[in-house]
C-alpha atoms as a PDB file:
ATOM      1  CA  MET A   1      -4.478  14.272 -11.335  1.00  0.00           C
ATOM      2  CA  GLY A   2      -3.457  12.190 -14.299  1.00  0.00           C
ATOM      3  CA  LEU A   3      -2.411   8.766 -13.144  1.00  0.00           C
ATOM      4  CA  ASN A   4       0.590   8.828 -15.416  1.00  0.00           C
ATOM      5  CA  GLN A   5       1.876  11.547 -13.090  1.00  0.00           C
ATOM      6  CA  LEU A   6       1.594   9.286 -10.017  1.00  0.00           C
ATOM      7  CA  ARG A   7       4.969   7.797  -9.343  1.00  0.00           C
ATOM      8  CA  GLY A   8       7.560   7.409  -6.609  1.00  0.00           C
ATOM      9  CA  CYS A   9       6.950   6.319  -3.047  1.00  0.00           C
ATOM     10  CA  GLY A  10       3.380   5.734  -1.893  1.00  0.00           C
ATOM     11  CA  THR A  11       2.698   4.724   1.734  1.00  0.00           C
ATOM     12  CA  ALA A  12       0.041   2.078   2.310  1.00  0.00           C
ATOM     13  CA  ILE A  13      -0.871   3.832   5.544  1.00  0.00           C
ATOM     14  CA  VAL A  14      -1.951   2.023   8.696  1.00  0.00           C
ATOM     15  CA  THR A  15      -5.188   2.949  10.396  1.00  0.00           C
ATOM     16  CA  PRO A  16      -4.426   3.901  14.015  1.00  0.00           C
ATOM     17  CA  PHE A  17      -7.037   2.709  16.511  1.00  0.00           C
ATOM     18  CA  ALA A  18      -7.605   4.025  20.035  1.00  0.00           C
ATOM     19  CA  ARG A  19      -7.777   1.607  22.947  1.00  0.00           C
ATOM     20  CA  ASP A  20     -11.554   1.269  22.425  1.00  0.00           C
ATOM     21  CA  GLU A  21     -10.810   0.293  18.792  1.00  0.00           C
ATOM     22  CA  ARG A  22     -12.321   3.443  17.353  1.00  0.00           C
ATOM     23  CA  ILE A  23     -10.343   5.255  14.669  1.00  0.00           C
ATOM     24  CA  ASP A  24      -7.731   7.456  16.311  1.00  0.00           C
ATOM     25  CA  GLU A  25      -8.196  10.473  14.117  1.00  0.00           C
ATOM     26  CA  ALA A  26      -5.473  12.566  15.743  1.00  0.00           C
ATOM     27  CA  ALA A  27      -2.902   9.753  15.327  1.00  0.00           C
ATOM     28  CA  LEU A  28      -3.956   9.300  11.712  1.00  0.00           C
ATOM     29  CA  ARG A  29      -3.377  13.000  11.047  1.00  0.00           C
ATOM     30  CA  ARG A  30       0.041  12.806  12.683  1.00  0.00           C
ATOM     31  CA  LEU A  31       0.926   9.818  10.583  1.00  0.00           C
ATOM     32  CA  VAL A  32      -0.070  11.516   7.335  1.00  0.00           C
ATOM     33  CA  GLU A  33       1.990  14.574   8.325  1.00  0.00           C
ATOM     34  CA  PHE A  34       4.943  12.308   9.132  1.00  0.00           C
ATOM     35  CA  GLN A  35       4.724  10.750   5.703  1.00  0.00           C
ATOM     36  CA  ILE A  36       4.646  14.129   3.926  1.00  0.00           C
ATOM     37  CA  GLU A  37       7.493  15.526   5.969  1.00  0.00           C
ATOM     38  CA  GLY A  38       9.435  12.356   5.031  1.00  0.00           C
ATOM     39  CA  GLY A  39       9.023  13.077   1.368  1.00  0.00           C
ATOM     40  CA  VAL A  40       6.550  10.410   0.215  1.00  0.00           C
ATOM     41  CA  ASP A  41       4.731  11.166  -3.024  1.00  0.00           C
ATOM     42  CA  PHE A  42       1.310   9.795  -2.210  1.00  0.00           C
ATOM     43  CA  ILE A  43      -0.764   8.171   0.512  1.00  0.00           C
ATOM     44  CA  VAL A  44      -2.786   4.988   0.058  1.00  0.00           C
ATOM     45  CA  ALA A  45      -5.628   4.901   2.600  1.00  0.00           C
ATOM     46  CA  CYS A  46      -7.769   1.847   3.392  1.00  0.00           C
ATOM     47  CA  GLY A  47      -5.553  -0.826   1.906  1.00  0.00           C
ATOM     48  CA  THR A  48      -4.605  -4.124   3.453  1.00  0.00           C
ATOM     49  CA  THR A  49      -2.127  -2.341   5.754  1.00  0.00           C
ATOM     50  CA  GLY A  50      -5.006  -0.045   6.818  1.00  0.00           C
ATOM     51  CA  GLU A  51      -7.097  -2.977   8.063  1.00  0.00           C
ATOM     52  CA  SER A  52      -9.884  -1.803   5.713  1.00  0.00           C
ATOM     53  CA  VAL A  53     -11.746  -5.132   5.753  1.00  0.00           C
ATOM     54  CA  THR A  54     -12.409  -4.806   9.509  1.00  0.00           C
ATOM     55  CA  MET A  55     -13.919  -1.319   9.137  1.00  0.00           C
ATOM     56  CA  THR A  56     -17.439  -0.368   8.139  1.00  0.00           C
ATOM     57  CA  ALA A  57     -18.123   1.552   4.917  1.00  0.00           C
ATOM     58  CA  GLU A  58     -18.529   4.726   6.983  1.00  0.00           C
ATOM     59  CA  GLU A  59     -15.221   4.177   8.762  1.00  0.00           C
ATOM     60  CA  ASN A  60     -13.391   3.575   5.490  1.00  0.00           C
ATOM     61  CA  ALA A  61     -14.864   6.797   4.110  1.00  0.00           C
ATOM     62  CA  ARG A  62     -13.809   8.683   7.242  1.00  0.00           C
ATOM     63  CA  VAL A  63     -10.224   7.444   6.981  1.00  0.00           C
ATOM     64  CA  VAL A  64     -10.054   8.577   3.343  1.00  0.00           C
ATOM     65  CA  GLU A  65     -11.624  11.931   4.264  1.00  0.00           C
ATOM     66  CA  ILE A  66      -9.079  12.533   7.067  1.00  0.00           C
ATOM     67  CA  ALA A  67      -6.164  11.558   4.804  1.00  0.00           C
ATOM     68  CA  ILE A  68      -7.321  13.999   2.105  1.00  0.00           C
ATOM     69  CA  ASP A  69      -7.812  16.782   4.662  1.00  0.00           C
ATOM     70  CA  ALA A  70      -4.488  16.151   6.360  1.00  0.00           C
ATOM     71  CA  ALA A  71      -2.556  15.908   3.097  1.00  0.00           C
ATOM     72  CA  ALA A  72      -4.098  19.230   2.027  1.00  0.00           C
ATOM     73  CA  GLY A  73      -2.953  18.875  -1.531  1.00  0.00           C
ATOM     74  CA  ARG A  74       0.717  18.247  -0.639  1.00  0.00           C
ATOM     75  CA  ALA A  75       0.485  14.602  -1.595  1.00  0.00           C
ATOM     76  CA  SER A  76      -2.009  12.653  -3.647  1.00  0.00           C
ATOM     77  CA  VAL A  77      -4.432  10.337  -1.804  1.00  0.00           C
ATOM     78  CA  VAL A  78      -5.273   6.935  -3.292  1.00  0.00           C
ATOM     79  CA  ALA A  79      -8.254   5.150  -1.756  1.00  0.00           C
ATOM     80  CA  GLY A  80      -8.385   1.350  -1.469  1.00  0.00           C
ATOM     81  CA  ALA A  81     -11.580  -0.133  -2.874  1.00  0.00           C
ATOM     82  CA  GLY A  82     -11.512  -3.776  -3.838  1.00  0.00           C
ATOM     83  CA  GLY A  83     -13.355  -6.938  -3.021  1.00  0.00           C
ATOM     84  CA  TYR A  84     -15.361  -9.873  -4.268  1.00  0.00           C
ATOM     85  CA  ASN A  85     -18.648  -8.003  -4.953  1.00  0.00           C
ATOM     86  CA  THR A  86     -18.221  -5.834  -8.066  1.00  0.00           C
ATOM     87  CA  ARG A  87     -21.342  -3.719  -7.416  1.00  0.00           C
ATOM     88  CA  GLU A  88     -20.218  -2.932  -3.864  1.00  0.00           C
ATOM     89  CA  VAL A  89     -16.741  -1.970  -5.068  1.00  0.00           C
ATOM     90  CA  ILE A  90     -18.259   0.481  -7.561  1.00  0.00           C
ATOM     91  CA  GLU A  91     -20.401   2.004  -4.795  1.00  0.00           C
ATOM     92  CA  ARG A  92     -17.329   2.544  -2.584  1.00  0.00           C
ATOM     93  CA  ILE A  93     -15.430   4.109  -5.450  1.00  0.00           C
ATOM     94  CA  GLU A  94     -18.290   6.539  -6.071  1.00  0.00           C
ATOM     95  CA  ARG A  95     -18.166   7.555  -2.382  1.00  0.00           C
ATOM     96  CA  PHE A  96     -14.411   8.071  -2.440  1.00  0.00           C
ATOM     97  CA  ALA A  97     -14.690  10.137  -5.607  1.00  0.00           C
ATOM     98  CA  GLU A  98     -17.205  12.404  -3.866  1.00  0.00           C
ATOM     99  CA  LEU A  99     -14.741  12.842  -1.026  1.00  0.00           C
ATOM    100  CA  GLY A 100     -11.989  13.966  -3.367  1.00  0.00           C
ATOM    101  CA  ALA A 101      -9.690  10.964  -3.683  1.00  0.00           C
ATOM    102  CA  ASP A 102      -7.169  11.199  -6.490  1.00  0.00           C
ATOM    103  CA  ALA A 103      -7.205   7.592  -7.570  1.00  0.00           C
ATOM    104  CA  ILE A 104      -8.342   4.099  -6.561  1.00  0.00           C
ATOM    105  CA  LEU A 105      -6.324   1.013  -5.671  1.00  0.00           C
ATOM    106  CA  SER A 106      -8.429  -2.059  -6.284  1.00  0.00           C
ATOM    107  CA  VAL A 107      -7.328  -5.547  -5.215  1.00  0.00           C
ATOM    108  CA  THR A 108      -8.408  -8.564  -7.213  1.00  0.00           C
ATOM    109  CA  PRO A 109     -11.527 -10.364  -5.927  1.00  0.00           C
ATOM    110  CA  TYR A 110     -10.699 -12.883  -3.222  1.00  0.00           C
ATOM    111  CA  TYR A 111     -12.462 -16.036  -2.064  1.00  0.00           C
ATOM    112  CA  ASN A 112     -14.652 -16.453  -5.120  1.00  0.00           C
ATOM    113  CA  LYS A 113     -11.518 -17.061  -7.343  1.00  0.00           C
ATOM    114  CA  PRO A 114     -12.660 -15.633 -10.704  1.00  0.00           C
ATOM    115  CA  THR A 115     -11.200 -16.837 -14.006  1.00  0.00           C
ATOM    116  CA  GLN A 116      -8.979 -14.496 -16.003  1.00  0.00           C
ATOM    117  CA  GLU A 117     -12.048 -13.493 -18.039  1.00  0.00           C
ATOM    118  CA  GLY A 118     -13.889 -12.850 -14.778  1.00  0.00           C
ATOM    119  CA  LEU A 119     -11.084 -10.595 -13.620  1.00  0.00           C
ATOM    120  CA  TYR A 120     -11.187  -8.719 -16.879  1.00  0.00           C
ATOM    121  CA  GLN A 121     -14.974  -8.183 -16.722  1.00  0.00           C
ATOM    122  CA  HIS A 122     -14.782  -7.191 -13.024  1.00  0.00           C
ATOM    123  CA  TYR A 123     -12.256  -4.440 -13.750  1.00  0.00           C
ATOM    124  CA  ARG A 124     -13.947  -3.450 -16.963  1.00  0.00           C
ATOM    125  CA  ALA A 125     -17.180  -2.818 -15.034  1.00  0.00           C
ATOM    126  CA  ILE A 126     -15.249  -0.670 -12.517  1.00  0.00           C
ATOM    127  CA  ASN A 127     -13.501   1.178 -15.305  1.00  0.00           C
ATOM    128  CA  ASP A 128     -16.785   1.941 -17.014  1.00  0.00           C
ATOM    129  CA  ALA A 129     -18.438   3.201 -13.801  1.00  0.00           C
ATOM    130  CA  SER A 130     -15.527   5.102 -12.272  1.00  0.00           C
ATOM    131  CA  ALA A 131     -14.617   8.742 -12.614  1.00  0.00           C
ATOM    132  CA  LEU A 132     -11.203   8.149 -11.018  1.00  0.00           C
ATOM    133  CA  PRO A 133      -7.936   6.640 -12.320  1.00  0.00           C
ATOM    134  CA  LEU A 134      -7.546   2.989 -11.261  1.00  0.00           C
ATOM    135  CA  ILE A 135      -4.560   1.054 -10.028  1.00  0.00           C
ATOM    136  CA  LEU A 136      -4.903  -2.721 -10.257  1.00  0.00           C
ATOM    137  CA  TYR A 137      -3.631  -4.672  -7.224  1.00  0.00           C
ATOM    138  CA  ASN A 138      -2.337  -8.219  -7.661  1.00  0.00           C
ATOM    139  CA  VAL A 139      -1.438 -10.042  -4.448  1.00  0.00           C
ATOM    140  CA  PRO A 140      -2.146 -13.761  -4.960  1.00  0.00           C
ATOM    141  CA  GLY A 141      -0.592 -14.727  -1.654  1.00  0.00           C
ATOM    142  CA  ARG A 142      -3.577 -13.061   0.054  1.00  0.00           C
ATOM    143  CA  THR A 143      -6.350 -13.474  -2.523  1.00  0.00           C
ATOM    144  CA  GLY A 144      -5.752 -16.966  -3.898  1.00  0.00           C
ATOM    145  CA  CYS A 145      -6.082 -15.385  -7.360  1.00  0.00           C
ATOM    146  CA  ASN A 146      -3.241 -14.406  -9.671  1.00  0.00           C
ATOM    147  CA  MET A 147      -3.812 -11.884 -12.438  1.00  0.00           C
ATOM    148  CA  GLU A 148      -1.802 -13.052 -15.393  1.00  0.00           C
ATOM    149  CA  PRO A 149       0.287 -10.694 -17.571  1.00  0.00           C
ATOM    150  CA  SER A 150      -2.013 -11.160 -20.590  1.00  0.00           C
ATOM    151  CA  THR A 151      -4.963 -10.041 -18.486  1.00  0.00           C
ATOM    152  CA  VAL A 152      -3.064  -7.027 -17.237  1.00  0.00           C
ATOM    153  CA  ALA A 153      -2.234  -6.119 -20.803  1.00  0.00           C
ATOM    154  CA  ARG A 154      -5.909  -6.305 -21.826  1.00  0.00           C
ATOM    155  CA  LEU A 155      -6.908  -4.122 -18.895  1.00  0.00           C
ATOM    156  CA  ALA A 156      -4.191  -1.589 -19.624  1.00  0.00           C
ATOM    157  CA  GLU A 157      -6.043  -0.744 -22.832  1.00  0.00           C
ATOM    158  CA  LEU A 158      -9.041   0.552 -20.881  1.00  0.00           C
ATOM    159  CA  GLU A 159      -9.409   4.301 -20.300  1.00  0.00           C
ATOM    160  CA  ARG A 160      -8.968   4.613 -16.556  1.00  0.00           C
ATOM    161  CA  ILE A 161      -6.770   1.584 -15.751  1.00  0.00           C
ATOM    162  CA  SER A 162      -3.276   2.974 -15.922  1.00  0.00           C
ATOM    163  CA  ALA A 163      -1.160   1.175 -13.327  1.00  0.00           C
ATOM    164  CA  ILE A 164      -0.735  -1.961 -11.240  1.00  0.00           C
ATOM    165  CA  LYS A 165       0.573  -2.668  -7.786  1.00  0.00           C
ATOM    166  CA  GLU A 166       2.277  -6.030  -8.441  1.00  0.00           C
ATOM    167  CA  ALA A 167       2.774  -8.013  -5.242  1.00  0.00           C
ATOM    168  CA  SER A 168       3.080 -11.497  -6.661  1.00  0.00           C
ATOM    169  CA  GLY A 169       6.759 -11.577  -5.763  1.00  0.00           C
ATOM    170  CA  ASN A 170       7.354 -13.131  -9.184  1.00  0.00           C
ATOM    171  CA  ILE A 171       9.972 -11.044 -11.005  1.00  0.00           C
ATOM    172  CA  THR A 172       9.517 -13.022 -14.196  1.00  0.00           C
ATOM    173  CA  GLN A 173       5.822 -12.199 -14.171  1.00  0.00           C
ATOM    174  CA  ILE A 174       6.560  -8.519 -13.579  1.00  0.00           C
ATOM    175  CA  ALA A 175       9.079  -8.569 -16.427  1.00  0.00           C
ATOM    176  CA  GLU A 176       6.450 -10.070 -18.704  1.00  0.00           C
ATOM    177  CA  ILE A 177       3.964  -7.376 -17.826  1.00  0.00           C
ATOM    178  CA  ALA A 178       6.562  -4.738 -18.581  1.00  0.00           C
ATOM    179  CA  SER A 179       7.107  -6.313 -21.997  1.00  0.00           C
ATOM    180  CA  LEU A 180       3.390  -6.210 -22.817  1.00  0.00           C
ATOM    181  CA  VAL A 181       2.447  -2.660 -21.806  1.00  0.00           C
ATOM    182  CA  ASP A 182       3.693   0.737 -23.015  1.00  0.00           C
ATOM    183  CA  ASP A 183       5.231   3.542 -20.941  1.00  0.00           C
ATOM    184  CA  SER A 184       1.851   5.079 -20.194  1.00  0.00           C
ATOM    185  CA  PHE A 185       1.065   2.155 -17.894  1.00  0.00           C
ATOM    186  CA  GLY A 186       2.769   2.318 -14.492  1.00  0.00           C
ATOM    187  CA  ILE A 187       4.128  -0.690 -12.635  1.00  0.00           C
ATOM    188  CA  PHE A 188       4.485  -0.242  -8.859  1.00  0.00           C
ATOM    189  CA  ALA A 189       6.410  -2.704  -6.732  1.00  0.00           C
ATOM    190  CA  GLY A 190       3.998  -4.244  -4.259  1.00  0.00           C
ATOM    191  CA  ASP A 191       6.735  -5.310  -1.889  1.00  0.00           C
ATOM    192  CA  ASP A 192       9.484  -3.153  -0.386  1.00  0.00           C
ATOM    193  CA  THR A 193      12.092  -5.839  -1.063  1.00  0.00           C
ATOM    194  CA  VAL A 194      11.679  -5.617  -4.858  1.00  0.00           C
ATOM    195  CA  VAL A 195      11.681  -1.877  -5.453  1.00  0.00           C
ATOM    196  CA  LEU A 196      15.101  -2.051  -7.087  1.00  0.00           C
ATOM    197  CA  PRO A 197      14.540  -4.892  -9.582  1.00  0.00           C
ATOM    198  CA  VAL A 198      11.070  -3.623 -10.474  1.00  0.00           C
ATOM    199  CA  ALA A 199      12.564  -0.156 -11.201  1.00  0.00           C
ATOM    200  CA  ALA A 200      15.215  -1.788 -13.366  1.00  0.00           C
ATOM    201  CA  LEU A 201      12.319  -3.292 -15.415  1.00  0.00           C
ATOM    202  CA  GLY A 202      10.819   0.145 -15.907  1.00  0.00           C
ATOM    203  CA  GLY A 203       8.687   0.366 -12.743  1.00  0.00           C
ATOM    204  CA  VAL A 204       7.586   3.779 -11.557  1.00  0.00           C
ATOM    205  CA  GLY A 205       7.812   3.276  -7.796  1.00  0.00           C
ATOM    206  CA  VAL A 206       6.485   1.384  -4.832  1.00  0.00           C
ATOM    207  CA  ILE A 207       3.397   1.149  -2.663  1.00  0.00           C
ATOM    208  CA  SER A 208       5.208   0.609   0.600  1.00  0.00           C
ATOM    209  CA  VAL A 209       4.570  -0.753   4.062  1.00  0.00           C
ATOM    210  CA  ALA A 210       7.962   0.207   5.464  1.00  0.00           C
ATOM    211  CA  SER A 211       7.539   3.894   4.587  1.00  0.00           C
ATOM    212  CA  ASN A 212       4.983   4.105   7.395  1.00  0.00           C
ATOM    213  CA  LEU A 213       7.983   3.828   9.717  1.00  0.00           C
ATOM    214  CA  LEU A 214      10.834   5.267   7.560  1.00  0.00           C
ATOM    215  CA  PRO A 215       9.255   7.529   4.945  1.00  0.00           C
ATOM    216  CA  ASP A 216      12.416   9.487   4.303  1.00  0.00           C
ATOM    217  CA  ARG A 217      14.631   6.448   3.748  1.00  0.00           C
ATOM    218  CA  VAL A 218      12.159   4.503   1.656  1.00  0.00           C
ATOM    219  CA  SER A 219      11.381   7.582  -0.424  1.00  0.00           C
ATOM    220  CA  ALA A 220      15.135   8.142  -0.985  1.00  0.00           C
ATOM    221  CA  LEU A 221      15.531   4.527  -2.075  1.00  0.00           C
ATOM    222  CA  THR A 222      12.576   4.683  -4.402  1.00  0.00           C
ATOM    223  CA  HIS A 223      13.713   7.841  -6.163  1.00  0.00           C
ATOM    224  CA  ALA A 224      17.249   6.563  -6.523  1.00  0.00           C
ATOM    225  CA  CYS A 225      15.797   3.466  -8.168  1.00  0.00           C
ATOM    226  CA  ILE A 226      13.405   5.156 -10.591  1.00  0.00           C
ATOM    227  CA  GLU A 227      15.937   7.818 -11.473  1.00  0.00           C
ATOM    228  CA  GLY A 228      18.535   5.230 -12.410  1.00  0.00           C
ATOM    229  CA  ARG A 229      21.000   5.934  -9.594  1.00  0.00           C
ATOM    230  CA  PHE A 230      21.510   2.263  -9.028  1.00  0.00           C
ATOM    231  CA  ASP A 231      24.784   2.377  -7.092  1.00  0.00           C
ATOM    232  CA  GLU A 232      23.119   4.608  -4.506  1.00  0.00           C
ATOM    233  CA  ALA A 233      19.970   2.502  -4.666  1.00  0.00           C
ATOM    234  CA  ARG A 234      21.868  -0.685  -3.919  1.00  0.00           C
ATOM    235  CA  ARG A 235      23.522   0.924  -0.882  1.00  0.00           C
ATOM    236  CA  LEU A 236      20.235   2.225   0.446  1.00  0.00           C
ATOM    237  CA  ASN A 237      18.467  -1.080  -0.218  1.00  0.00           C
ATOM    238  CA  ALA A 238      21.131  -3.129   1.548  1.00  0.00           C
ATOM    239  CA  ALA A 239      20.696  -0.993   4.700  1.00  0.00           C
ATOM    240  CA  LEU A 240      16.898  -1.363   4.636  1.00  0.00           C
ATOM    241  CA  ILE A 241      16.556  -5.090   3.816  1.00  0.00           C
ATOM    242  CA  PRO A 242      16.642  -6.183   7.503  1.00  0.00           C
ATOM    243  CA  VAL A 243      13.804  -3.792   8.267  1.00  0.00           C
ATOM    244  CA  PHE A 244      11.811  -4.862   5.222  1.00  0.00           C
ATOM    245  CA  LYS A 245      12.107  -8.495   6.301  1.00  0.00           C
ATOM    246  CA  ALA A 246      11.298  -7.811   9.932  1.00  0.00           C
ATOM    247  CA  LEU A 247       8.069  -6.050   9.002  1.00  0.00           C
ATOM    248  CA  PHE A 248       6.744  -9.339   7.587  1.00  0.00           C
ATOM    249  CA  ILE A 249       7.729 -11.794  10.360  1.00  0.00           C
ATOM    250  CA  GLU A 250       4.009 -11.944  11.087  1.00  0.00           C
ATOM    251  CA  SER A 251       1.040 -10.996   8.918  1.00  0.00           C
ATOM    252  CA  ASN A 252       1.006  -7.374   7.716  1.00  0.00           C
ATOM    253  CA  PRO A 253       0.108  -4.955   9.296  1.00  0.00           C
ATOM    254  CA  ILE A 254       0.877  -6.508  12.701  1.00  0.00           C
ATOM    255  CA  PRO A 255       4.643  -5.807  12.687  1.00  0.00           C
ATOM    256  CA  VAL A 256       4.501  -2.312  11.171  1.00  0.00           C
ATOM    257  CA  LYS A 257       1.828  -1.202  13.624  1.00  0.00           C
ATOM    258  CA  ALA A 258       3.870  -2.687  16.484  1.00  0.00           C
ATOM    259  CA  ALA A 259       6.928  -0.824  15.178  1.00  0.00           C
ATOM    260  CA  LEU A 260       4.953   2.490  15.001  1.00  0.00           C
ATOM    261  CA  ALA A 261       3.740   1.913  18.533  1.00  0.00           C
ATOM    262  CA  MET A 262       7.361   1.443  19.640  1.00  0.00           C
ATOM    263  CA  THR A 263       8.145   4.888  18.238  1.00  0.00           C
ATOM    264  CA  GLY A 264       5.111   6.471  19.944  1.00  0.00           C
ATOM    265  CA  MET A 265       3.392   7.238  16.628  1.00  0.00           C
ATOM    266  CA  CYS A 266       0.189   5.304  17.519  1.00  0.00           C
ATOM    267  CA  GLU A 267      -1.257   2.754  19.866  1.00  0.00           C
ATOM    268  CA  GLU A 268      -0.668  -0.927  19.059  1.00  0.00           C
ATOM    269  CA  VAL A 269      -4.337  -1.771  18.664  1.00  0.00           C
ATOM    270  CA  TYR A 270      -5.756  -4.132  16.070  1.00  0.00           C
ATOM    271  CA  ARG A 271      -9.216  -5.429  15.298  1.00  0.00           C
ATOM    272  CA  LEU A 272      -9.837  -9.136  15.319  1.00  0.00           C
ATOM    273  CA  PRO A 273      -8.915 -11.484  13.746  1.00  0.00           C
ATOM    274  CA  LEU A 274      -5.521  -9.701  13.930  1.00  0.00           C
ATOM    275  CA  VAL A 275      -3.837  -9.927  17.341  1.00  0.00           C
ATOM    276  CA  PRO A 276      -0.592  -8.493  18.812  1.00  0.00           C
ATOM    277  CA  MET A 277       2.767  -9.993  17.964  1.00  0.00           C
ATOM    278  CA  SER A 278       4.269 -12.857  19.857  1.00  0.00           C
ATOM    279  CA  GLU A 279       6.812 -11.715  22.452  1.00  0.00           C
ATOM    280  CA  ALA A 280       9.630 -13.514  20.609  1.00  0.00           C
ATOM    281  CA  ASN A 281       8.872 -11.687  17.388  1.00  0.00           C
ATOM    282  CA  ARG A 282       8.382  -8.388  19.242  1.00  0.00           C
ATOM    283  CA  THR A 283      11.884  -8.704  20.727  1.00  0.00           C
ATOM    284  CA  ARG A 284      13.290  -9.562  17.321  1.00  0.00           C
ATOM    285  CA  LEU A 285      11.557  -6.650  15.690  1.00  0.00           C
ATOM    286  CA  ARG A 286      12.763  -4.179  18.309  1.00  0.00           C
ATOM    287  CA  GLY A 287      16.301  -5.397  17.822  1.00  0.00           C
ATOM    288  CA  VAL A 288      16.200  -4.829  14.100  1.00  0.00           C
ATOM    289  CA  LEU A 289      14.779  -1.345  14.567  1.00  0.00           C
ATOM    290  CA  VAL A 290      17.448  -0.403  17.045  1.00  0.00           C
ATOM    291  CA  GLU A 291      20.141  -1.701  14.687  1.00  0.00           C
ATOM    292  CA  ALA A 292      18.622   0.404  11.929  1.00  0.00           C
ATOM    293  CA  GLY A 293      18.798   3.556  14.081  1.00  0.00           C
ATOM    294  CA  VAL A 294      15.082   3.815  14.800  1.00  0.00           C
ATOM    295  CA  ALA A 295      14.340   5.417  18.154  1.00  0.00           C
ATOM    296  CA  VAL A 296      12.032   2.958  19.979  1.00  0.00           C
ATOM    297  CA  GLU A 297      10.457   2.955  23.418  1.00  0.00           C
ATOM    298  CA  ALA A 298       9.214   0.003  25.401  1.00  0.00           C
ATOM    299  CA  ALA A 299       5.462  -0.277  25.023  1.00  0.00           C
ATOM    300  CA  LEU A 300       2.943  -3.016  25.712  1.00  0.00           C
ATOM    301  CA  PRO A 301       0.226  -3.694  23.133  1.00  0.00           C
ATOM    302  CA  ALA A 302      -2.964  -1.846  23.945  1.00  0.00           C
ATOM    303  CA  ASN A 303      -5.322  -4.708  23.192  1.00  0.00           C
ATOM    304  CA  ALA A 304      -3.191  -7.694  24.239  1.00  0.00           C
END
């Protein structure tokens, strides 16, 4: 797969856990199938939404392996491999390449707060060692590290770095990136709420949390945006904004996994330090889902 062909709606898929906190492989397969039936273009396994940092290297590899097998070539599979140890990131990427992943999503290093030159050298090392296309992932609200547009532009010149998931929430920054790169470099919205403005700036799609729950509707919105059907896009976006907001009333992926549990798609089981939603927020979330036409059932969290 050439990364310049990767566009549209990608789901940052949750990792379902059974009540004993082991990976619920059957639920994961159901969720991948639900995404494909809903029309998403690609699956992102082992991202933030997938609780990757609470899983072992073997568990991360197993999630990617299941996603690839379940997708069966009907949608591309992007594997999440980022972190603050460049050598370990490269090792994980090599493992995911062996499993057959189509591309890598790699978040900026967190905690050690590298300089812009450090970020460049980190990703350059990954680029030089990787056999797979690479999507940069900038989410300073989680990492404490913002990748500046000039750094993105430098990285865009490297062979395998051909896209970014931009989750800074800063439209001015995203606009500056768009002004510095050419059309061969893809910009994905990193937040569901900004799919429309990012597309207007030339973005190629979204890596979405909400599509876990509403793959058909988020996919329809994304394609309306990137195909320039902005009247339709504004209508679809207006209907989805309450859901987008509700899925972030607590730290992601707590609300989206709670929402999926309400639909019966998986158990509401997290690994510490994540815990189930507060009851007030659970009631609020259920109300938004009902208003949006999502069929929900009353369910208690499995590991409350």
